[in-house]
Amino acid sequence: MFDHALAECSIPAAFGCSVHFDNGSLRVGEATHRLDVFCNVAAISVGKAGHSMAEALLCLIPVPISGIVACPVVPASPVAGFQYFHGGHPLPNEDSLRAGSAILDFLCGLPERSLVFFLISGGASAIAEKPIRPDLTLSDVVETTRTLVHSGAPIAEINAIRKHLSAIKGGRMAQAAAPATQVSLLVSDVPQRALDALASGPTMPDTSTVADCCDIVRRYNLLDRLPQRVRLIFANMELQETPKPGDPEFARSQYITVLSNQTAVEAAKARAAAVGFSVEVDSSCDDWDYARAADYLLARIRELRSRASPVCLISGGEVTVTIGGHSGTGGRNQQFALYCAQKIAGEPITVLSAGTDGIDGNSVAAGAVVDGTTIPRASSRNFNPTLALSRFDAFPLLQAVGDAIITGPTGNNVRDLRILLAY
């Protein structure tokens, strides 16, 4: 079911449904652009799907396109006409900062009669970055990112702070490209209700505010954990507002979500039904703490099993993990799966939790699939599941018992899938 969902989330197929060229006109969603009115067509592609999206666009538009790709893995065959940067993920690296600077320089040099495609996918918050102030170093950005990711805050709140500390996030990339005509094609790894959180919203009006950022820092007790230069920005109230809805730089902008988590959920649902399961979808635990989400979904699958068999429960979105002082090897999906394994020991229940990007946390796994035999198998190999959970170190255990899912980077990212089966 998970493999089928990955296959159905095809970037070339999604682009083919949204972008059409015919007789000199380019139709993107509901809008049509005559290419002969533009003196230049350019593209900025950032995120885990950066290369895949640039490649898909170039296959559909028969005119020269130049631009920049920032992605975590340098492909074997880069797209001609594009400058590539190998940005870091989940933490930024030097190429992330080089990418951010190059993107701003490129956009500021565009003629007014330009058509700019922004190809945005998850992970771009780290993969391309330029701090809002020149005195903020790579170390400051990395430590701020690490603090936010480990805080347990939902992605929209994490990215609200990233936006206000960045020269390219929170609509500032669109600000640099104005007054060019702008088309943003989105492969979304955020809740549909919070699309401006995708990649920290570099091309979209920002609905978060400085006041929101200060509230997030207070609620998660982050101030003392941020690097000194960032801490002083908050302490001295030096954050500046990002561009907002209605601002003139967005007057010639269009946004289309070509792929989202819903695509993966629907594909998994169809596959489950095709092989004979009674299927339910419940994504209400999106952005919940992993243990709370696991308890909720396990209660749901047991309740469903009392009425039908076999039954499948599918849940899209992400769970959160608040990491304490010690962090081993793993990620939110493996933490969720191992917690579930403890709760279903001996039961005829199977639980999968995995990321569609093929990368879970700081491990090489996409996630894991566990069942009622996982804990006995782990114990027979002298693993302590409770200790592994407390140390956020699920991967070594799950790999040793054969329950880790390893796909490698998929070149895509539409959030996570959790699939629960019961008989």
Protein backbone atom coordinates (compact mmCIF):
# COMPACT_ATOMS: atom_id res chain seq x y z
CA MET A 1 0.00 0.00 0.00
CA PHE A 2 2.83 2.38 0.86
CA ASP A 3 4.76 1.51 -2.32
CA HIS A 4 1.61 2.09 -4.39
CA ALA A 5 1.14 5.50 -2.76
CA LEU A 6 4.73 6.46 -3.62
CA ALA A 7 4.23 5.38 -7.23
CA GLU A 8 1.00 7.36 -7.56
CA CYS A 9 2.67 10.53 -6.26
CA SER A 10 4.53 10.91 -9.54
CA ILE A 11 5.86 14.41 -10.13
CA PRO A 12 5.93 14.10 -13.95
CA ALA A 13 2.31 12.87 -13.95
CA ALA A 14 1.22 15.66 -11.59
CA PHE A 15 2.91 18.31 -13.71
CA GLY A 16 1.33 16.82 -16.82
CA CYS A 17 -2.11 17.37 -15.27
CA SER A 18 -1.40 21.00 -14.33
CA VAL A 19 0.84 22.42 -17.07
CA HIS A 20 -0.08 22.38 -20.78
CA PHE A 21 1.62 24.03 -23.76
CA ASP A 22 -0.22 24.54 -27.05
CA ASN A 23 0.34 26.88 -29.98
CA GLY A 24 2.48 29.35 -28.08
CA SER A 25 0.25 29.46 -25.00
CA LEU A 26 0.99 27.97 -21.63
CA ARG A 27 -1.96 26.93 -19.50
CA VAL A 28 -1.15 26.50 -15.82
CA GLY A 29 -4.17 25.49 -13.82
CA GLU A 30 -6.90 27.97 -14.74
CA ALA A 31 -4.52 30.66 -16.05
CA THR A 32 -3.17 31.02 -19.58
CA HIS A 33 0.08 32.81 -20.48
CA ARG A 34 1.15 33.78 -24.01
CA LEU A 35 4.88 33.11 -23.96
CA ASP A 36 5.62 35.64 -26.69
CA VAL A 37 4.79 38.51 -24.31
CA PHE A 38 7.69 37.56 -22.04
CA CYS A 39 11.31 38.34 -22.78
CA ASN A 40 12.53 35.72 -20.33
CA VAL A 41 11.31 32.48 -18.72
CA ALA A 42 13.07 31.41 -15.53
CA ALA A 43 12.63 28.90 -12.72
CA ILE A 44 13.73 28.53 -9.13
CA SER A 45 13.33 24.96 -7.83
CA VAL A 46 14.01 24.32 -4.16
CA GLY A 47 13.39 21.38 -1.83
CA LYS A 48 13.67 17.62 -1.71
CA ALA A 49 11.93 17.43 -5.09
CA GLY A 50 13.98 20.28 -6.52
CA HIS A 51 15.60 18.30 -9.33
CA SER A 52 12.51 16.20 -10.10
CA MET A 53 10.32 19.28 -10.43
CA ALA A 54 12.79 21.16 -12.64
CA GLU A 55 13.11 18.11 -14.87
CA ALA A 56 9.33 17.72 -15.15
CA LEU A 57 8.82 21.40 -16.04
CA LEU A 58 11.48 21.38 -18.75
CA CYS A 59 9.80 18.39 -20.39
CA LEU A 60 6.57 20.37 -20.80
CA ILE A 61 7.75 23.82 -21.94
CA PRO A 62 9.59 23.99 -25.30
CA VAL A 63 11.38 27.29 -24.68
CA PRO A 64 14.77 27.99 -23.10
CA ILE A 65 14.58 28.23 -19.31
CA SER A 66 17.38 29.20 -16.96
CA GLY A 67 17.43 29.17 -13.20
CA ILE A 68 18.60 27.59 -9.98
CA VAL A 69 17.99 24.20 -8.35
CA ALA A 70 18.69 23.66 -4.65
CA CYS A 71 18.17 20.06 -3.56
CA PRO A 72 19.74 17.67 -1.02
CA VAL A 73 21.18 15.19 -3.53
CA VAL A 74 23.07 16.25 -6.65
CA PRO A 75 21.59 14.22 -9.53
CA ALA A 76 23.63 12.23 -12.02
CA SER A 77 22.19 14.29 -14.89
CA PRO A 78 21.50 17.92 -13.90
CA VAL A 79 19.00 19.87 -15.97
CA ALA A 80 20.75 21.99 -18.61
CA GLY A 81 20.69 25.73 -18.03
CA PHE A 82 20.36 25.47 -14.24
CA GLN A 83 22.88 26.19 -11.51
CA TYR A 84 22.76 23.51 -8.81
CA PHE A 85 23.35 23.75 -5.06
CA HIS A 86 23.61 20.79 -2.71
CA GLY A 87 21.75 22.19 0.29
CA GLY A 88 21.73 20.46 3.67
CA HIS A 89 18.78 18.69 5.25
CA PRO A 90 17.51 18.51 7.97
CA LEU A 91 20.13 21.11 8.90
CA PRO A 92 21.42 23.81 6.52
CA ASN A 93 24.99 23.73 5.23
CA GLU A 94 27.27 26.20 3.45
CA ASP A 95 25.66 25.40 0.10
CA SER A 96 22.26 26.22 1.62
CA LEU A 97 23.49 29.76 2.26
CA ARG A 98 25.16 29.97 -1.15
CA ALA A 99 21.88 28.89 -2.73
CA GLY A 100 19.92 31.56 -0.87
CA SER A 101 22.30 34.31 -1.94
CA ALA A 102 22.37 33.09 -5.55
CA ILE A 103 18.55 32.96 -5.70
CA LEU A 104 18.18 36.54 -4.48
CA ASP A 105 20.85 37.80 -6.89
CA PHE A 106 19.20 35.94 -9.78
CA LEU A 107 15.70 37.25 -9.01
CA CYS A 108 16.78 40.84 -8.46
CA GLY A 109 18.39 40.82 -11.92
CA LEU A 110 15.29 39.67 -13.82
CA PRO A 111 13.68 41.97 -16.42
CA GLU A 112 10.14 43.09 -15.63
CA ARG A 113 8.70 41.11 -18.55
CA SER A 114 9.81 37.80 -17.06
CA LEU A 115 7.77 34.70 -16.29
CA VAL A 116 9.17 33.02 -13.19
CA PHE A 117 8.26 29.52 -12.08
CA PHE A 118 8.83 28.77 -8.43
CA LEU A 119 8.94 25.01 -7.90
CA ILE A 120 8.58 24.49 -4.17
CA SER A 121 8.76 21.26 -2.20
CA GLY A 122 9.33 20.24 1.40
CA GLY A 123 12.76 20.53 2.95
CA ALA A 124 13.52 23.83 1.25
CA SER A 125 13.55 25.65 4.60
CA ALA A 126 16.95 24.06 5.26
CA ILE A 127 18.10 23.43 1.70
CA ALA A 128 18.07 27.12 0.69
CA GLU A 129 18.55 29.94 3.17
CA LYS A 130 19.85 33.46 3.59
CA PRO A 131 19.73 34.98 7.09
CA ILE A 132 17.85 38.26 7.39
CA ARG A 133 20.92 39.91 8.94
CA PRO A 134 24.55 39.62 7.80
CA ASP A 135 25.80 39.05 11.35
CA LEU A 136 23.89 35.75 11.60
CA THR A 137 26.26 32.89 10.76
CA LEU A 138 25.69 29.36 9.46
CA SER A 139 26.21 28.16 13.02
CA ASP A 140 23.42 30.46 14.21
CA VAL A 141 21.08 29.14 11.52
CA VAL A 142 21.94 25.49 12.26
CA GLU A 143 21.49 25.86 16.02
CA THR A 144 18.22 27.74 15.56
CA THR A 145 16.94 25.05 13.21
CA ARG A 146 17.97 22.26 15.57
CA THR A 147 16.29 23.97 18.52
CA LEU A 148 13.05 24.48 16.59
CA VAL A 149 12.93 20.94 15.15
CA HIS A 150 13.55 19.39 18.58
CA SER A 151 11.01 21.61 20.33
CA GLY A 152 7.95 19.49 19.54
CA ALA A 153 6.23 22.44 17.82
CA PRO A 154 4.13 21.80 14.69
CA ILE A 155 5.78 22.61 11.36
CA ALA A 156 3.68 25.76 10.82
CA GLU A 157 4.95 27.25 14.10
CA ILE A 158 8.55 26.20 13.41
CA ASN A 159 8.39 27.85 10.00
CA ALA A 160 6.77 31.02 11.32
CA ILE A 161 10.02 31.74 13.17
CA ARG A 162 12.18 30.65 10.22
CA LYS A 163 10.29 33.11 7.99
CA HIS A 164 11.00 36.10 10.17
CA LEU A 165 14.71 35.29 10.44
CA SER A 166 15.19 34.80 6.68
CA ALA A 167 15.78 37.05 3.67
CA ILE A 168 14.10 34.56 1.28
CA LYS A 169 11.28 32.98 3.31
CA GLY A 170 7.86 34.36 4.22
CA GLY A 171 7.17 35.87 0.79
CA ARG A 172 10.54 37.59 0.48
CA MET A 173 11.56 35.53 -2.57
CA ALA A 174 8.43 36.76 -4.36
CA GLN A 175 9.24 40.29 -3.18
CA ALA A 176 12.65 40.02 -4.86
CA ALA A 177 11.10 38.79 -8.15
CA ALA A 178 8.37 41.47 -8.37
CA PRO A 179 7.04 42.81 -10.68
CA ALA A 180 7.69 39.70 -12.80
CA THR A 181 4.77 37.33 -13.41
CA GLN A 182 5.11 34.49 -10.91
CA VAL A 183 3.75 30.93 -10.93
CA SER A 184 4.36 28.74 -7.86
CA LEU A 185 3.92 24.99 -8.33
CA LEU A 186 3.78 23.27 -4.96
CA VAL A 187 4.52 19.71 -3.87
CA SER A 188 3.17 20.11 -0.38
CA ASP A 189 4.43 18.52 2.83
CA VAL A 190 2.34 20.75 5.12
CA PRO A 191 -1.35 20.75 6.13
CA GLN A 192 -3.55 22.08 3.33
CA ARG A 193 -4.85 24.74 5.73
CA ALA A 194 -1.30 26.10 6.15
CA LEU A 195 0.18 26.16 2.65
CA ASP A 196 2.24 29.25 3.47
CA ALA A 197 4.24 27.03 5.83
CA LEU A 198 5.53 24.92 2.89
CA ALA A 199 9.27 25.58 2.67
CA SER A 200 8.51 28.51 5.00
CA GLY A 201 6.43 30.16 2.27
CA PRO A 202 9.12 31.88 0.16
CA THR A 203 6.65 33.00 -2.52
CA MET A 204 3.40 33.34 -0.56
CA PRO A 205 1.96 36.13 1.61
CA ASP A 206 2.75 35.33 5.23
CA THR A 207 -0.13 34.98 7.66
CA SER A 208 2.15 34.66 10.69
CA THR A 209 3.31 37.75 12.58
CA VAL A 210 6.13 38.93 14.81
CA ALA A 211 3.72 38.59 17.74
CA ASP A 212 3.12 34.94 16.78
CA CYS A 213 6.87 34.28 16.78
CA CYS A 214 7.31 35.78 20.24
CA ASP A 215 4.40 33.70 21.52
CA ILE A 216 5.87 30.47 20.07
CA VAL A 217 9.25 31.17 21.66
CA ARG A 218 7.54 31.76 25.00
CA ARG A 219 5.22 28.73 24.88
CA TYR A 220 8.02 26.29 24.06
CA ASN A 221 10.59 27.94 26.38
CA LEU A 222 12.97 28.45 23.47
CA LEU A 223 14.63 31.77 24.26
CA ASP A 224 17.47 30.45 26.40
CA ARG A 225 18.09 27.62 23.92
CA LEU A 226 18.55 29.85 20.87
CA PRO A 227 22.04 31.04 19.85
CA GLN A 228 23.04 34.36 21.38
CA ARG A 229 22.65 36.53 18.26
CA VAL A 230 19.16 35.14 17.59
CA ARG A 231 18.25 35.44 21.27
CA LEU A 232 19.17 39.12 21.20
CA ILE A 233 16.94 39.73 18.16
CA PHE A 234 13.98 38.49 20.20
CA ALA A 235 15.05 40.13 23.43
CA ASN A 236 15.50 43.50 21.69
CA MET A 237 12.26 43.14 19.68
CA GLU A 238 14.16 43.52 16.38
CA LEU A 239 12.12 41.12 14.24
CA GLN A 240 10.58 42.73 11.15
CA GLU A 241 7.24 41.81 9.61
CA THR A 242 7.16 39.69 6.46
CA PRO A 243 5.10 40.63 3.35
CA LYS A 244 1.40 40.14 4.02
CA PRO A 245 -1.76 39.25 2.01
CA GLY A 246 -2.77 42.17 -0.19
CA ASP A 247 0.78 43.51 -0.58
CA PRO A 248 1.51 44.62 -4.20
CA GLU A 249 4.38 42.17 -4.76
CA PHE A 250 1.83 39.34 -4.94
CA ALA A 251 -0.46 41.03 -7.51
CA ARG A 252 0.90 38.90 -10.39
CA SER A 253 1.28 35.62 -8.51
CA GLN A 254 -0.43 32.26 -8.98
CA TYR A 255 -0.25 29.19 -6.73
CA ILE A 256 -1.08 25.59 -7.65
CA THR A 257 -0.70 22.54 -5.41
CA VAL A 258 0.21 19.75 -7.84
CA LEU A 259 0.74 17.07 -5.18
CA SER A 260 -0.19 16.81 -1.52
CA ASN A 261 -0.57 14.30 1.28
CA GLN A 262 -4.13 13.70 0.13
CA THR A 263 -2.75 12.18 -3.10
CA ALA A 264 -0.82 9.59 -1.09
CA VAL A 265 -3.75 8.90 1.26
CA GLU A 266 -6.17 8.30 -1.61
CA ALA A 267 -3.71 6.01 -3.39
CA ALA A 268 -3.15 3.89 -0.26
CA LYS A 269 -6.89 3.78 0.34
CA ALA A 270 -7.58 2.53 -3.18
CA ARG A 271 -4.93 -0.17 -2.91
CA ALA A 272 -6.22 -1.35 0.48
CA ALA A 273 -9.77 -1.63 -0.86
CA ALA A 274 -8.53 -3.49 -3.96
CA VAL A 275 -6.96 -6.24 -1.84
CA GLY A 276 -10.03 -6.76 0.31
CA PHE A 277 -9.78 -4.49 3.34
CA SER A 278 -12.59 -2.43 4.80
CA VAL A 279 -10.93 1.00 4.75
CA GLU A 280 -11.27 4.08 6.94
CA VAL A 281 -9.28 7.34 6.74
CA ASP A 282 -8.66 9.39 9.88
CA SER A 283 -6.08 12.17 9.69
CA SER A 284 -7.40 14.09 12.67
CA CYS A 285 -4.21 13.42 14.65
CA ASP A 286 -2.08 15.49 12.26
CA ASP A 287 0.58 17.41 14.24
CA TRP A 288 -0.19 15.53 17.47
CA ASP A 289 2.50 14.21 19.77
CA TYR A 290 3.50 10.75 18.52
CA ALA A 291 2.36 8.87 21.65
CA ARG A 292 -1.01 10.61 21.74
CA ALA A 293 -1.51 9.94 18.03
CA ALA A 294 -0.53 6.28 18.43
CA ASP A 295 -2.93 5.73 21.34
CA TYR A 296 -5.72 7.37 19.37
CA LEU A 297 -5.16 5.40 16.16
CA LEU A 298 -4.75 2.07 17.97
CA ALA A 299 -8.04 2.66 19.78
CA ARG A 300 -9.65 3.44 16.41
CA ILE A 301 -8.32 0.29 14.68
CA ARG A 302 -9.47 -1.91 17.56
CA GLU A 303 -12.91 -0.33 17.44
CA LEU A 304 -13.08 -0.82 13.66
CA ARG A 305 -11.98 -4.45 14.02
CA SER A 306 -14.96 -5.07 16.30
CA ARG A 307 -17.25 -4.27 13.36
CA ALA A 308 -15.36 -5.62 10.32
CA SER A 309 -12.41 -7.81 9.38
CA PRO A 310 -9.93 -7.36 7.85
CA VAL A 311 -9.82 -3.61 8.39
CA CYS A 312 -7.38 -0.89 7.34
CA LEU A 313 -7.02 2.55 8.94
CA ILE A 314 -5.06 5.18 7.02
CA SER A 315 -3.83 8.42 8.57
CA GLY A 316 -1.99 11.17 6.71
CA GLY A 317 0.13 14.05 7.99
CA GLU A 318 2.87 14.14 10.58
CA VAL A 319 3.33 13.54 14.28
CA THR A 320 5.63 15.54 16.53
CA VAL A 321 8.45 14.39 18.80
CA THR A 322 9.97 16.51 21.54
CA ILE A 323 13.59 15.43 21.88
CA GLY A 324 15.28 15.71 25.25
CA GLY A 325 18.97 15.77 26.08
CA HIS A 326 19.93 12.51 24.35
CA SER A 327 19.16 11.85 20.71
CA GLY A 328 20.07 8.56 19.07
CA THR A 329 19.31 7.45 15.51
CA GLY A 330 15.74 7.50 14.27
CA GLY A 331 12.89 9.83 13.40
CA ARG A 332 9.27 10.58 14.15
CA ASN A 333 7.95 7.65 12.10
CA GLN A 334 10.19 5.09 13.78
CA GLN A 335 9.44 6.55 17.20
CA PHE A 336 5.71 6.20 16.45
CA ALA A 337 6.10 2.67 15.10
CA LEU A 338 8.18 1.39 18.03
CA TYR A 339 5.75 2.89 20.52
CA CYS A 340 2.92 1.11 18.69
CA ALA A 341 4.88 -2.16 18.70
CA GLN A 342 4.89 -2.11 22.49
CA LYS A 343 1.12 -1.54 22.55
CA ILE A 344 0.24 -4.33 20.08
CA ALA A 345 2.59 -7.09 21.28
CA GLY A 346 0.84 -10.42 20.69
CA GLU A 347 -2.08 -8.87 18.75
CA PRO A 348 -2.97 -9.45 15.06
CA ILE A 349 -2.31 -5.78 14.22
CA THR A 350 0.28 -4.34 11.83
CA VAL A 351 1.36 -0.69 11.86
CA LEU A 352 3.33 1.18 9.19
CA SER A 353 4.58 4.73 9.58
CA ALA A 354 6.85 6.21 6.93
CA GLY A 355 7.78 9.41 5.13
CA THR A 356 7.13 9.80 1.43
CA ASP A 357 10.54 11.47 1.07
CA GLY A 358 12.28 8.24 2.08
CA ILE A 359 14.06 9.97 4.96
CA ASP A 360 13.01 9.76 8.60
CA GLY A 361 14.92 12.01 10.98
CA ASN A 362 18.65 11.37 11.07
CA SER A 363 18.41 7.75 9.89
CA VAL A 364 18.65 6.10 6.46
CA ALA A 365 15.14 4.67 6.86
CA ALA A 366 11.85 6.10 5.60
CA GLY A 367 10.10 4.65 8.66
CA ALA A 368 9.08 1.20 9.86
CA VAL A 369 6.41 -1.49 9.73
CA VAL A 370 5.81 -3.38 13.01
CA ASP A 371 3.41 -6.04 14.23
CA GLY A 372 2.59 -8.16 17.27
CA THR A 373 5.89 -10.04 16.99
CA THR A 374 8.23 -7.02 16.87
CA ILE A 375 8.80 -6.69 20.62
CA PRO A 376 9.45 -10.43 21.22
CA ARG A 377 11.88 -10.44 18.29
CA ALA A 378 13.65 -7.37 19.66
CA SER A 379 13.87 -8.88 23.16
CA SER A 380 15.39 -12.07 21.74
CA ARG A 381 18.19 -9.89 20.35
CA ASN A 382 18.71 -8.20 23.74
CA PHE A 383 17.17 -4.85 22.74
CA ASN A 384 15.27 -2.81 25.31
CA PRO A 385 12.40 -1.05 23.44
CA THR A 386 11.58 1.26 26.36
CA LEU A 387 15.19 2.43 26.55
CA ALA A 388 15.33 2.90 22.77
CA LEU A 389 12.23 5.11 22.91
CA SER A 390 13.54 7.19 25.79
CA ARG A 391 16.77 7.77 23.89
CA PHE A 392 15.01 8.47 20.57
CA ASP A 393 17.09 5.61 19.19
CA ALA A 394 14.53 3.41 17.43
CA PHE A 395 16.42 2.76 14.19
CA PRO A 396 19.08 0.28 15.45
CA LEU A 397 16.35 -1.91 16.99
CA LEU A 398 14.03 -1.75 14.01
CA GLN A 399 16.83 -2.39 11.55
CA ALA A 400 18.11 -5.38 13.55
CA VAL A 401 14.71 -7.10 13.53
CA GLY A 402 14.04 -6.33 9.86
CA ASP A 403 11.20 -3.87 10.45
CA ALA A 404 12.86 -0.69 9.12
CA ILE A 405 11.65 0.54 5.72
CA ILE A 406 14.54 1.69 3.55
CA THR A 407 13.63 3.21 0.19
CA GLY A 408 16.42 5.75 -0.19
CA PRO A 409 15.56 9.39 -1.00
CA THR A 410 12.50 9.42 -3.27
CA GLY A 411 12.99 12.87 -4.79
CA ASN A 412 9.52 13.73 -3.52
CA ASN A 413 7.87 14.79 -0.27
CA VAL A 414 4.14 14.82 0.50
CA ARG A 415 4.35 14.22 4.26
CA ASP A 416 3.94 10.90 6.08
CA LEU A 417 1.58 7.94 5.90
CA ARG A 418 0.45 5.76 8.76
CA ILE A 419 -1.31 2.53 7.80
CA LEU A 420 -2.80 0.20 10.42
CA LEU A 421 -4.14 -3.27 9.58
CA ALA A 422 -6.16 -5.56 11.88
CA TYR A 423 -7.70 -8.99 11.44
